[in-house]
Amino acid sequence: MEEKKHSVLLDQRARLNLTGIIEIKNFQETAAEFETAAGILQITGEQMHMERLDLDSGEVELMGKFISLYYPEDVKEQPRSFWGKLLG
């Protein structure tokens, strides 16, 4: 299985093209969260909407006014301890 590559292309803060999208965790007009091949991506903005969505190829095109794009390090799944694996 080929690993998806993640890229972000922001044009004039109004059009955002994403590749390497694995899952849409949350999507609202002012905030969105995606699981990408590079980790979790959190986006804030105004009047955001999806122009195009193709999860088979992992591509999303968003329109709106984009304020921030953030990859929080602490959201990545941590390796579980022995007890976590046993009880989980």
PDB file of N, CA and C in Angstrom:
ATOM      1  N   MET A   1       0.839  -1.182   0.000  1.00  0.00           N
ATOM      2  CA  MET A   1       0.000   0.000   0.000  1.00  0.00           C
ATOM      3  C   MET A   1       0.886   1.248   0.000  1.00  0.00           C
ATOM      4  N   GLU A   2       0.597   2.176  -0.897  1.00  0.00           N
ATOM      5  CA  GLU A   2       1.391   3.389  -1.007  1.00  0.00           C
ATOM      6  C   GLU A   2       0.979   4.389   0.072  1.00  0.00           C
ATOM      7  N   GLU A   3       1.977   4.976   0.724  1.00  0.00           N
ATOM      8  CA  GLU A   3       1.709   5.964   1.776  1.00  0.00           C
ATOM      9  C   GLU A   3       1.314   7.288   1.132  1.00  0.00           C
ATOM     10  N   LYS A   4       0.232   7.895   1.670  1.00  0.00           N
ATOM     11  CA  LYS A   4      -0.222   9.184   1.158  1.00  0.00           C
ATOM     12  C   LYS A   4       0.739  10.275   1.596  1.00  0.00           C
ATOM     13  N   LYS A   5       0.977  11.231   0.709  1.00  0.00           N
ATOM     14  CA  LYS A   5       1.781  12.402   1.048  1.00  0.00           C
ATOM     15  C   LYS A   5       0.839  13.562   1.313  1.00  0.00           C
ATOM     16  N   HIS A   6       1.204  14.392   2.276  1.00  0.00           N
ATOM     17  CA  HIS A   6       0.364  15.513   2.680  1.00  0.00           C
ATOM     18  C   HIS A   6       0.959  16.816   2.166  1.00  0.00           C
ATOM     19  N   SER A   7       0.092  17.652   1.592  1.00  0.00           N
ATOM     20  CA  SER A   7       0.523  18.988   1.183  1.00  0.00           C
ATOM     21  C   SER A   7      -0.596  19.982   1.449  1.00  0.00           C
ATOM     22  N   VAL A   8      -0.177  21.245   1.588  1.00  0.00           N
ATOM     23  CA  VAL A   8      -1.090  22.357   1.844  1.00  0.00           C
ATOM     24  C   VAL A   8      -0.760  23.455   0.854  1.00  0.00           C
ATOM     25  N   LEU A   9      -1.786  23.936   0.140  1.00  0.00           N
ATOM     26  CA  LEU A   9      -1.603  25.054  -0.774  1.00  0.00           C
ATOM     27  C   LEU A   9      -2.665  26.095  -0.438  1.00  0.00           C
ATOM     28  N   LEU A  10      -2.223  27.238   0.069  1.00  0.00           N
ATOM     29  CA  LEU A  10      -3.115  28.325   0.458  1.00  0.00           C
ATOM     30  C   LEU A  10      -2.961  29.459  -0.550  1.00  0.00           C
ATOM     31  N   ASP A  11      -4.070  29.857  -1.166  1.00  0.00           N
ATOM     32  CA  ASP A  11      -4.061  30.896  -2.185  1.00  0.00           C
ATOM     33  C   ASP A  11      -4.867  32.100  -1.703  1.00  0.00           C
ATOM     34  N   GLN A  12      -4.171  33.231  -1.447  1.00  0.00           N
ATOM     35  CA  GLN A  12      -4.795  34.491  -1.062  1.00  0.00           C
ATOM     36  C   GLN A  12      -5.670  34.381   0.194  1.00  0.00           C
ATOM     37  N   ARG A  13      -5.355  33.450   1.072  1.00  0.00           N
ATOM     38  CA  ARG A  13      -6.128  33.212   2.306  1.00  0.00           C
ATOM     39  C   ARG A  13      -7.590  32.886   2.029  1.00  0.00           C
ATOM     40  N   ALA A  14      -7.945  32.577   0.779  1.00  0.00           N
ATOM     41  CA  ALA A  14      -9.339  32.336   0.419  1.00  0.00           C
ATOM     42  C   ALA A  14      -9.589  30.931  -0.115  1.00  0.00           C
ATOM     43  N   ARG A  15      -8.574  30.265  -0.633  1.00  0.00           N
ATOM     44  CA  ARG A  15      -8.713  28.911  -1.192  1.00  0.00           C
ATOM     45  C   ARG A  15      -7.614  28.044  -0.589  1.00  0.00           C
ATOM     46  N   LEU A  16      -8.013  26.908  -0.059  1.00  0.00           N
ATOM     47  CA  LEU A  16      -7.066  26.003   0.580  1.00  0.00           C
ATOM     48  C   LEU A  16      -7.213  24.617  -0.031  1.00  0.00           C
ATOM     49  N   ASN A  17      -6.138  24.117  -0.635  1.00  0.00           N
ATOM     50  CA  ASN A  17      -6.114  22.774  -1.204  1.00  0.00           C
ATOM     51  C   ASN A  17      -5.261  21.887  -0.314  1.00  0.00           C
ATOM     52  N   LEU A  18      -5.817  20.755   0.086  1.00  0.00           N
ATOM     53  CA  LEU A  18      -5.129  19.808   0.956  1.00  0.00           C
ATOM     54  C   LEU A  18      -5.055  18.458   0.276  1.00  0.00           C
ATOM     55  N   THR A  19      -3.922  17.778   0.431  1.00  0.00           N
ATOM     56  CA  THR A  19      -3.798  16.393  -0.007  1.00  0.00           C
ATOM     57  C   THR A  19      -3.316  15.568   1.185  1.00  0.00           C
ATOM     58  N   GLY A  20      -3.435  14.267   1.066  1.00  0.00           N
ATOM     59  CA  GLY A  20      -3.019  13.381   2.153  1.00  0.00           C
ATOM     60  C   GLY A  20      -4.020  13.358   3.299  1.00  0.00           C
ATOM     61  N   ILE A  21      -5.286  13.669   3.013  1.00  0.00           N
ATOM     62  CA  ILE A  21      -6.324  13.654   4.042  1.00  0.00           C
ATOM     63  C   ILE A  21      -6.791  12.213   4.249  1.00  0.00           C
ATOM     64  N   ILE A  22      -6.780  11.786   5.500  1.00  0.00           N
ATOM     65  CA  ILE A  22      -7.216  10.439   5.856  1.00  0.00           C
ATOM     66  C   ILE A  22      -8.655  10.454   6.362  1.00  0.00           C
ATOM     67  N   GLU A  23      -8.971  11.440   7.214  1.00  0.00           N
ATOM     68  CA  GLU A  23     -10.304  11.493   7.821  1.00  0.00           C
ATOM     69  C   GLU A  23     -10.646  12.935   8.202  1.00  0.00           C
ATOM     70  N   ILE A  24     -11.922  13.272   8.080  1.00  0.00           N
ATOM     71  CA  ILE A  24     -12.419  14.557   8.567  1.00  0.00           C
ATOM     72  C   ILE A  24     -12.914  14.322   9.983  1.00  0.00           C
ATOM     73  N   LYS A  25     -12.241  14.913  10.957  1.00  0.00           N
ATOM     74  CA  LYS A  25     -12.605  14.747  12.363  1.00  0.00           C
ATOM     75  C   LYS A  25     -13.748  15.680  12.748  1.00  0.00           C
ATOM     76  N   ASN A  26     -13.717  16.905  12.223  1.00  0.00           N
ATOM     77  CA  ASN A  26     -14.706  17.926  12.569  1.00  0.00           C
ATOM     78  C   ASN A  26     -14.686  18.980  11.464  1.00  0.00           C
ATOM     79  N   PHE A  27     -15.870  19.462  11.095  1.00  0.00           N
ATOM     80  CA  PHE A  27     -15.910  20.551  10.125  1.00  0.00           C
ATOM     81  C   PHE A  27     -17.092  21.457  10.435  1.00  0.00           C
ATOM     82  N   GLN A  28     -16.771  22.724  10.688  1.00  0.00           N
ATOM     83  CA  GLN A  28     -17.776  23.760  10.910  1.00  0.00           C
ATOM     84  C   GLN A  28     -17.351  24.990  10.124  1.00  0.00           C
ATOM     85  N   GLU A  29     -18.187  26.005  10.139  1.00  0.00           N
ATOM     86  CA  GLU A  29     -17.910  27.221   9.382  1.00  0.00           C
ATOM     87  C   GLU A  29     -16.692  27.989   9.901  1.00  0.00           C
ATOM     88  N   THR A  30     -16.352  27.795  11.186  1.00  0.00           N
ATOM     89  CA  THR A  30     -15.246  28.558  11.777  1.00  0.00           C
ATOM     90  C   THR A  30     -14.070  27.696  12.240  1.00  0.00           C
ATOM     91  N   ALA A  31     -14.213  26.380  12.216  1.00  0.00           N
ATOM     92  CA  ALA A  31     -13.129  25.499  12.668  1.00  0.00           C
ATOM     93  C   ALA A  31     -13.263  24.130  12.015  1.00  0.00           C
ATOM     94  N   ALA A  32     -12.123  23.542  11.719  1.00  0.00           N
ATOM     95  CA  ALA A  32     -12.105  22.207  11.122  1.00  0.00           C
ATOM     96  C   ALA A  32     -10.900  21.451  11.651  1.00  0.00           C
ATOM     97  N   GLU A  33     -11.033  20.129  11.663  1.00  0.00           N
ATOM     98  CA  GLU A  33      -9.928  19.277  12.090  1.00  0.00           C
ATOM     99  C   GLU A  33      -9.881  18.064  11.169  1.00  0.00           C
ATOM    100  N   PHE A  34      -8.689  17.822  10.620  1.00  0.00           N
ATOM    101  CA  PHE A  34      -8.475  16.717   9.692  1.00  0.00           C
ATOM    102  C   PHE A  34      -7.361  15.824  10.216  1.00  0.00           C
ATOM    103  N   GLU A  35      -7.500  14.524   9.981  1.00  0.00           N
ATOM    104  CA  GLU A  35      -6.373  13.627  10.185  1.00  0.00           C
ATOM    105  C   GLU A  35      -5.681  13.516   8.836  1.00  0.00           C
ATOM    106  N   THR A  36      -4.388  13.839   8.824  1.00  0.00           N
ATOM    107  CA  THR A  36      -3.620  13.823   7.582  1.00  0.00           C
ATOM    108  C   THR A  36      -2.499  12.794   7.689  1.00  0.00           C
ATOM    109  N   ALA A  37      -1.832  12.572   6.592  1.00  0.00           N
ATOM    110  CA  ALA A  37      -0.686  11.673   6.578  1.00  0.00           C
ATOM    111  C   ALA A  37       0.466  12.217   7.418  1.00  0.00           C
ATOM    112  N   ALA A  38       0.417  13.515   7.763  1.00  0.00           N
ATOM    113  CA  ALA A  38       1.460  14.145   8.574  1.00  0.00           C
ATOM    114  C   ALA A  38       1.000  14.422  10.001  1.00  0.00           C
ATOM    115  N   GLY A  39      -0.175  13.943  10.382  1.00  0.00           N
ATOM    116  CA  GLY A  39      -0.705  14.177  11.724  1.00  0.00           C
ATOM    117  C   GLY A  39      -2.000  14.975  11.669  1.00  0.00           C
ATOM    118  N   ILE A  40      -2.460  15.391  12.815  1.00  0.00           N
ATOM    119  CA  ILE A  40      -3.696  16.161  12.917  1.00  0.00           C
ATOM    120  C   ILE A  40      -3.453  17.599  12.439  1.00  0.00           C
ATOM    121  N   LEU A  41      -4.388  18.124  11.638  1.00  0.00           N
ATOM    122  CA  LEU A  41      -4.346  19.506  11.165  1.00  0.00           C
ATOM    123  C   LEU A  41      -5.607  20.207  11.649  1.00  0.00           C
ATOM    124  N   GLN A  42      -5.423  21.303  12.388  1.00  0.00           N
ATOM    125  CA  GLN A  42      -6.540  22.117  12.862  1.00  0.00           C
ATOM    126  C   GLN A  42      -6.534  23.432  12.090  1.00  0.00           C
ATOM    127  N   ILE A  43      -7.714  23.823  11.604  1.00  0.00           N
ATOM    128  CA  ILE A  43      -7.848  25.029  10.805  1.00  0.00           C
ATOM    129  C   ILE A  43      -8.913  25.915  11.436  1.00  0.00           C
ATOM    130  N   THR A  44      -8.625  27.203  11.558  1.00  0.00           N
ATOM    131  CA  THR A  44      -9.644  28.157  11.975  1.00  0.00           C
ATOM    132  C   THR A  44      -9.833  29.168  10.852  1.00  0.00           C
ATOM    133  N   GLY A  45     -11.053  29.686  10.763  1.00  0.00           N
ATOM    134  CA  GLY A  45     -11.354  30.640   9.718  1.00  0.00           C
ATOM    135  C   GLY A  45     -12.758  31.183   9.861  1.00  0.00           C
ATOM    136  N   GLU A  46     -13.232  31.781   8.795  1.00  0.00           N
ATOM    137  CA  GLU A  46     -14.572  32.345   8.742  1.00  0.00           C
ATOM    138  C   GLU A  46     -15.238  31.898   7.450  1.00  0.00           C
ATOM    139  N   GLN A  47     -16.512  31.576   7.528  1.00  0.00           N
ATOM    140  CA  GLN A  47     -17.314  31.189   6.366  1.00  0.00           C
ATOM    141  C   GLN A  47     -16.661  30.080   5.555  1.00  0.00           C
ATOM    142  N   MET A  48     -16.056  29.119   6.233  1.00  0.00           N
ATOM    143  CA  MET A  48     -15.395  28.022   5.532  1.00  0.00           C
ATOM    144  C   MET A  48     -16.439  27.042   4.994  1.00  0.00           C
ATOM    145  N   HIS A  49     -16.184  26.570   3.788  1.00  0.00           N
ATOM    146  CA  HIS A  49     -17.018  25.527   3.207  1.00  0.00           C
ATOM    147  C   HIS A  49     -16.176  24.697   2.249  1.00  0.00           C
ATOM    148  N   MET A  50     -16.622  23.466   2.008  1.00  0.00           N
ATOM    149  CA  MET A  50     -15.905  22.560   1.113  1.00  0.00           C
ATOM    150  C   MET A  50     -16.384  22.767  -0.307  1.00  0.00           C
ATOM    151  N   GLU A  51     -15.445  23.028  -1.177  1.00  0.00           N
ATOM    152  CA  GLU A  51     -15.738  23.118  -2.608  1.00  0.00           C
ATOM    153  C   GLU A  51     -15.669  21.733  -3.234  1.00  0.00           C
ATOM    154  N   ARG A  52     -14.689  20.947  -2.772  1.00  0.00           N
ATOM    155  CA  ARG A  52     -14.463  19.621  -3.355  1.00  0.00           C
ATOM    156  C   ARG A  52     -13.962  18.687  -2.265  1.00  0.00           C
ATOM    157  N   LEU A  53     -14.443  17.459  -2.304  1.00  0.00           N
ATOM    158  CA  LEU A  53     -14.033  16.442  -1.332  1.00  0.00           C
ATOM    159  C   LEU A  53     -13.885  15.127  -2.057  1.00  0.00           C
ATOM    160  N   ASP A  54     -12.712  14.520  -1.976  1.00  0.00           N
ATOM    161  CA  ASP A  54     -12.469  13.201  -2.546  1.00  0.00           C
ATOM    162  C   ASP A  54     -11.591  12.424  -1.572  1.00  0.00           C
ATOM    163  N   LEU A  55     -12.230  11.698  -0.652  1.00  0.00           N
ATOM    164  CA  LEU A  55     -11.464  10.969   0.358  1.00  0.00           C
ATOM    165  C   LEU A  55     -10.756   9.750  -0.221  1.00  0.00           C
ATOM    166  N   ASP A  56     -11.215   9.247  -1.375  1.00  0.00           N
ATOM    167  CA  ASP A  56     -10.501   8.130  -2.009  1.00  0.00           C
ATOM    168  C   ASP A  56      -9.083   8.541  -2.389  1.00  0.00           C
ATOM    169  N   SER A  57      -8.943   9.764  -2.906  1.00  0.00           N
ATOM    170  CA  SER A  57      -7.609  10.249  -3.266  1.00  0.00           C
ATOM    171  C   SER A  57      -7.004  11.097  -2.151  1.00  0.00           C
ATOM    172  N   GLY A  58      -7.804  11.420  -1.099  1.00  0.00           N
ATOM    173  CA  GLY A  58      -7.295  12.205   0.031  1.00  0.00           C
ATOM    174  C   GLY A  58      -7.192  13.688  -0.258  1.00  0.00           C
ATOM    175  N   GLU A  59      -8.031  14.207  -1.169  1.00  0.00           N
ATOM    176  CA  GLU A  59      -7.955  15.613  -1.564  1.00  0.00           C
ATOM    177  C   GLU A  59      -9.186  16.373  -1.104  1.00  0.00           C
ATOM    178  N   VAL A  60      -8.944  17.585  -0.584  1.00  0.00           N
ATOM    179  CA  VAL A  60     -10.018  18.466  -0.131  1.00  0.00           C
ATOM    180  C   VAL A  60      -9.682  19.886  -0.595  1.00  0.00           C
ATOM    181  N   GLU A  61     -10.699  20.589  -1.080  1.00  0.00           N
ATOM    182  CA  GLU A  61     -10.542  21.998  -1.425  1.00  0.00           C
ATOM    183  C   GLU A  61     -11.549  22.788  -0.597  1.00  0.00           C
ATOM    184  N   LEU A  62     -11.046  23.759   0.157  1.00  0.00           N
ATOM    185  CA  LEU A  62     -11.876  24.583   1.020  1.00  0.00           C
ATOM    186  C   LEU A  62     -11.851  26.023   0.535  1.00  0.00           C
ATOM    187  N   MET A  63     -12.953  26.723   0.781  1.00  0.00           N
ATOM    188  CA  MET A  63     -13.049  28.147   0.479  1.00  0.00           C
ATOM    189  C   MET A  63     -13.462  28.856   1.764  1.00  0.00           C
ATOM    190  N   GLY A  64     -13.104  30.123   1.891  1.00  0.00           N
ATOM    191  CA  GLY A  64     -13.447  30.917   3.054  1.00  0.00           C
ATOM    192  C   GLY A  64     -12.318  31.894   3.349  1.00  0.00           C
ATOM    193  N   LYS A  65     -12.294  32.403   4.570  1.00  0.00           N
ATOM    194  CA  LYS A  65     -11.177  33.244   5.022  1.00  0.00           C
ATOM    195  C   LYS A  65     -10.435  32.446   6.088  1.00  0.00           C
ATOM    196  N   PHE A  66      -9.188  32.094   5.813  1.00  0.00           N
ATOM    197  CA  PHE A  66      -8.429  31.226   6.706  1.00  0.00           C
ATOM    198  C   PHE A  66      -7.573  32.058   7.652  1.00  0.00           C
ATOM    199  N   ILE A  67      -7.676  31.751   8.930  1.00  0.00           N
ATOM    200  CA  ILE A  67      -6.968  32.498   9.964  1.00  0.00           C
ATOM    201  C   ILE A  67      -5.732  31.741  10.434  1.00  0.00           C
ATOM    202  N   SER A  68      -5.874  30.432  10.694  1.00  0.00           N
ATOM    203  CA  SER A  68      -4.709  29.677  11.158  1.00  0.00           C
ATOM    204  C   SER A  68      -4.784  28.224  10.727  1.00  0.00           C
ATOM    205  N   LEU A  69      -3.603  27.640  10.544  1.00  0.00           N
ATOM    206  CA  LEU A  69      -3.429  26.211  10.312  1.00  0.00           C
ATOM    207  C   LEU A  69      -2.421  25.750  11.348  1.00  0.00           C
ATOM    208  N   TYR A  70      -2.759  24.687  12.056  1.00  0.00           N
ATOM    209  CA  TYR A  70      -1.956  24.276  13.205  1.00  0.00           C
ATOM    210  C   TYR A  70      -1.875  22.756  13.272  1.00  0.00           C
ATOM    211  N   TYR A  71      -0.665  22.250  13.525  1.00  0.00           N
ATOM    212  CA  TYR A  71      -0.433  20.825  13.716  1.00  0.00           C
ATOM    213  C   TYR A  71      -0.038  20.603  15.175  1.00  0.00           C
ATOM    214  N   PRO A  72      -0.992  20.326  16.055  1.00  0.00           N
ATOM    215  CA  PRO A  72      -0.650  20.147  17.474  1.00  0.00           C
ATOM    216  C   PRO A  72       0.125  18.843  17.681  1.00  0.00           C
ATOM    217  N   GLU A  73       1.265  18.955  18.309  1.00  0.00           N
ATOM    218  CA  GLU A  73       2.100  17.778  18.557  1.00  0.00           C
ATOM    219  C   GLU A  73       1.486  16.830  19.575  1.00  0.00           C
ATOM    220  N   ASP A  74       0.765  17.371  20.570  1.00  0.00           N
ATOM    221  CA  ASP A  74       0.249  16.522  21.645  1.00  0.00           C
ATOM    222  C   ASP A  74      -0.969  15.702  21.247  1.00  0.00           C
ATOM    223  N   VAL A  75      -1.514  15.897  20.048  1.00  0.00           N
ATOM    224  CA  VAL A  75      -2.687  15.147  19.620  1.00  0.00           C
ATOM    225  C   VAL A  75      -2.303  13.780  19.076  1.00  0.00           C
ATOM    226  N   LYS A  76      -1.054  13.638  18.628  1.00  0.00           N
ATOM    227  CA  LYS A  76      -0.618  12.353  18.093  1.00  0.00           C
ATOM    228  C   LYS A  76      -0.773  11.274  19.156  1.00  0.00           C
ATOM    229  N   GLU A  77      -1.172  10.107  18.703  1.00  0.00           N
ATOM    230  CA  GLU A  77      -1.377   9.002  19.635  1.00  0.00           C
ATOM    231  C   GLU A  77      -0.043   8.564  20.220  1.00  0.00           C
ATOM    232  N   GLN A  78       0.013   8.510  21.522  1.00  0.00           N
ATOM    233  CA  GLN A  78       1.223   8.106  22.220  1.00  0.00           C
ATOM    234  C   GLN A  78       1.275   6.582  22.319  1.00  0.00           C
ATOM    235  N   PRO A  79       2.475   6.004  22.291  1.00  0.00           N
ATOM    236  CA  PRO A  79       2.578   4.561  22.492  1.00  0.00           C
ATOM    237  C   PRO A  79       1.998   4.193  23.854  1.00  0.00           C
ATOM    238  N   ARG A  80       1.245   3.131  23.868  1.00  0.00           N
ATOM    239  CA  ARG A  80       0.609   2.738  25.121  1.00  0.00           C
ATOM    240  C   ARG A  80       1.561   1.892  25.965  1.00  0.00           C
ATOM    241  N   SER A  81       1.412   2.016  27.266  1.00  0.00           N
ATOM    242  CA  SER A  81       2.224   1.243  28.206  1.00  0.00           C
ATOM    243  C   SER A  81       1.761  -0.209  28.190  1.00  0.00           C
ATOM    244  N   PHE A  82       2.516  -1.048  28.843  1.00  0.00           N
ATOM    245  CA  PHE A  82       2.159  -2.456  28.976  1.00  0.00           C
ATOM    246  C   PHE A  82       0.757  -2.591  29.553  1.00  0.00           C
ATOM    247  N   TRP A  83       0.484  -1.851  30.641  1.00  0.00           N
ATOM    248  CA  TRP A  83      -0.832  -1.946  31.311  1.00  0.00           C
ATOM    249  C   TRP A  83      -1.931  -1.370  30.433  1.00  0.00           C
ATOM    250  N   GLY A  84      -1.615  -0.321  29.704  1.00  0.00           N
ATOM    251  CA  GLY A  84      -2.605   0.246  28.788  1.00  0.00           C
ATOM    252  C   GLY A  84      -3.009  -0.726  27.709  1.00  0.00           C
ATOM    253  N   LYS A  85      -2.015  -1.481  27.178  1.00  0.00           N
ATOM    254  CA  LYS A  85      -2.310  -2.481  26.163  1.00  0.00           C
ATOM    255  C   LYS A  85      -3.092  -3.641  26.752  1.00  0.00           C
ATOM    256  N   LEU A  86      -2.721  -4.041  27.945  1.00  0.00           N
ATOM    257  CA  LEU A  86      -3.368  -5.168  28.605  1.00  0.00           C
ATOM    258  C   LEU A  86      -4.821  -4.858  28.959  1.00  0.00           C
ATOM    259  N   LEU A  87      -5.066  -3.640  29.465  1.00  0.00           N
ATOM    260  CA  LEU A  87      -6.399  -3.270  29.933  1.00  0.00           C
ATOM    261  C   LEU A  87      -7.240  -2.590  28.852  1.00  0.00           C
ATOM    262  N   GLY A  88      -6.598  -2.096  27.799  1.00  0.00           N
ATOM    263  CA  GLY A  88      -7.279  -1.313  26.783  1.00  0.00           C
ATOM    264  C   GLY A  88      -8.002  -2.099  25.800  1.00  0.00           C
TER     265      GLY A  88
END
